[in-house]
Amino acid sequence: MNKIDLIQDIDELIDRYCEGCFLKKQLREERGKSGAHKFCITGCTVGEQLKFLGTELNKLDQ
């Protein structure tokens, strides 16, 4: 996969699942911005996929 494809995949995931996410909104109210962010990275399957794609993107930059 090339860099442009990875960035497009990341954008698509964020647009499809993260924008307007009710759970993210609720957690942000309850735990604050950093608490919601932590959940999105560690507890959400979409966040895990984004983390994987980000790692792949970093590999290409090295």
C-alpha atoms as a PDB file:
ATOM      1  CA  MET A   1       0.000   0.000   0.000  1.00  0.00           C
ATOM      2  CA  ASN A   2       1.292   3.473  -0.745  1.00  0.00           C
ATOM      3  CA  LYS A   3       1.144   6.609   1.372  1.00  0.00           C
ATOM      4  CA  ILE A   4      -1.788   8.191  -0.471  1.00  0.00           C
ATOM      5  CA  ASP A   5      -3.922   5.040  -0.132  1.00  0.00           C
ATOM      6  CA  LEU A   6      -3.210   4.839   3.592  1.00  0.00           C
ATOM      7  CA  ILE A   7      -4.141   8.480   4.148  1.00  0.00           C
ATOM      8  CA  GLN A   8      -7.354   8.027   2.155  1.00  0.00           C
ATOM      9  CA  ASP A   9      -8.234   4.936   4.218  1.00  0.00           C
ATOM     10  CA  ILE A  10      -7.640   6.868   7.441  1.00  0.00           C
ATOM     11  CA  ASP A  11      -9.789   9.784   6.251  1.00  0.00           C
ATOM     12  CA  GLU A  12     -12.558   7.428   5.172  1.00  0.00           C
ATOM     13  CA  LEU A  13     -12.626   5.643   8.542  1.00  0.00           C
ATOM     14  CA  ILE A  14     -12.751   8.929  10.446  1.00  0.00           C
ATOM     15  CA  ASP A  15     -15.489  10.335   8.201  1.00  0.00           C
ATOM     16  CA  ARG A  16     -17.575   7.173   8.330  1.00  0.00           C
ATOM     17  CA  TYR A  17     -17.286   6.157  11.973  1.00  0.00           C
ATOM     18  CA  CYS A  18     -15.748   8.900  14.138  1.00  0.00           C
ATOM     19  CA  GLU A  19     -17.530  12.037  12.969  1.00  0.00           C
ATOM     20  CA  GLY A  20     -20.766  12.227  14.932  1.00  0.00           C
ATOM     21  CA  CYS A  21     -19.964   9.167  17.075  1.00  0.00           C
ATOM     22  CA  PHE A  22     -22.413   9.135  19.976  1.00  0.00           C
ATOM     23  CA  LEU A  23     -20.077   7.148  22.219  1.00  0.00           C
ATOM     24  CA  LYS A  24     -17.217   9.573  21.668  1.00  0.00           C
ATOM     25  CA  LYS A  25     -19.524  12.489  22.449  1.00  0.00           C
ATOM     26  CA  GLN A  26     -20.812  10.849  25.627  1.00  0.00           C
ATOM     27  CA  LEU A  27     -17.350   9.871  26.848  1.00  0.00           C
ATOM     28  CA  ARG A  28     -16.095  13.379  26.186  1.00  0.00           C
ATOM     29  CA  GLU A  29     -18.801  14.746  28.480  1.00  0.00           C
ATOM     30  CA  GLU A  30     -18.120  12.151  31.191  1.00  0.00           C
ATOM     31  CA  ARG A  31     -14.331  11.760  31.031  1.00  0.00           C
ATOM     32  CA  GLY A  32     -13.180  14.838  29.165  1.00  0.00           C
ATOM     33  CA  LYS A  33     -11.330  15.081  25.894  1.00  0.00           C
ATOM     34  CA  SER A  34      -8.315  12.999  26.931  1.00  0.00           C
ATOM     35  CA  GLY A  35     -10.479  10.261  28.458  1.00  0.00           C
ATOM     36  CA  ALA A  36     -12.535   9.942  25.301  1.00  0.00           C
ATOM     37  CA  HIS A  37      -9.379   9.974  23.182  1.00  0.00           C
ATOM     38  CA  LYS A  38      -7.842   7.210  25.293  1.00  0.00           C
ATOM     39  CA  PHE A  39     -10.930   5.035  24.822  1.00  0.00           C
ATOM     40  CA  CYS A  40     -10.962   5.656  21.074  1.00  0.00           C
ATOM     41  CA  ILE A  41      -7.361   4.487  20.776  1.00  0.00           C
ATOM     42  CA  THR A  42      -7.444   1.504  23.127  1.00  0.00           C
ATOM     43  CA  GLY A  43     -11.063   0.350  23.349  1.00  0.00           C
ATOM     44  CA  CYS A  44     -12.641   1.050  19.993  1.00  0.00           C
ATOM     45  CA  THR A  45     -12.204  -1.294  17.024  1.00  0.00           C
ATOM     46  CA  VAL A  46     -12.146   1.663  14.637  1.00  0.00           C
ATOM     47  CA  GLY A  47      -9.459   3.292  16.762  1.00  0.00           C
ATOM     48  CA  GLU A  48      -7.422   0.109  16.665  1.00  0.00           C
ATOM     49  CA  GLN A  49      -7.670   0.079  12.868  1.00  0.00           C
ATOM     50  CA  LEU A  50      -6.631   3.735  12.714  1.00  0.00           C
ATOM     51  CA  LYS A  51      -3.676   2.977  14.964  1.00  0.00           C
ATOM     52  CA  PHE A  52      -2.645   0.116  12.657  1.00  0.00           C
ATOM     53  CA  LEU A  53      -2.898   2.306   9.556  1.00  0.00           C
ATOM     54  CA  GLY A  54      -0.895   5.022  11.285  1.00  0.00           C
ATOM     55  CA  THR A  55       1.834   2.516  12.101  1.00  0.00           C
ATOM     56  CA  GLU A  56       1.924   1.399   8.473  1.00  0.00           C
ATOM     57  CA  LEU A  57       2.153   5.030   7.385  1.00  0.00           C
ATOM     58  CA  ASN A  58       5.099   5.582   9.721  1.00  0.00           C
ATOM     59  CA  LYS A  59       6.868   2.544   8.276  1.00  0.00           C
ATOM     60  CA  LEU A  60       6.686   4.128   4.825  1.00  0.00           C
ATOM     61  CA  ASP A  61       8.283   7.350   6.104  1.00  0.00           C
ATOM     62  CA  GLN A  62      11.317   5.579   7.515  1.00  0.00           C
END
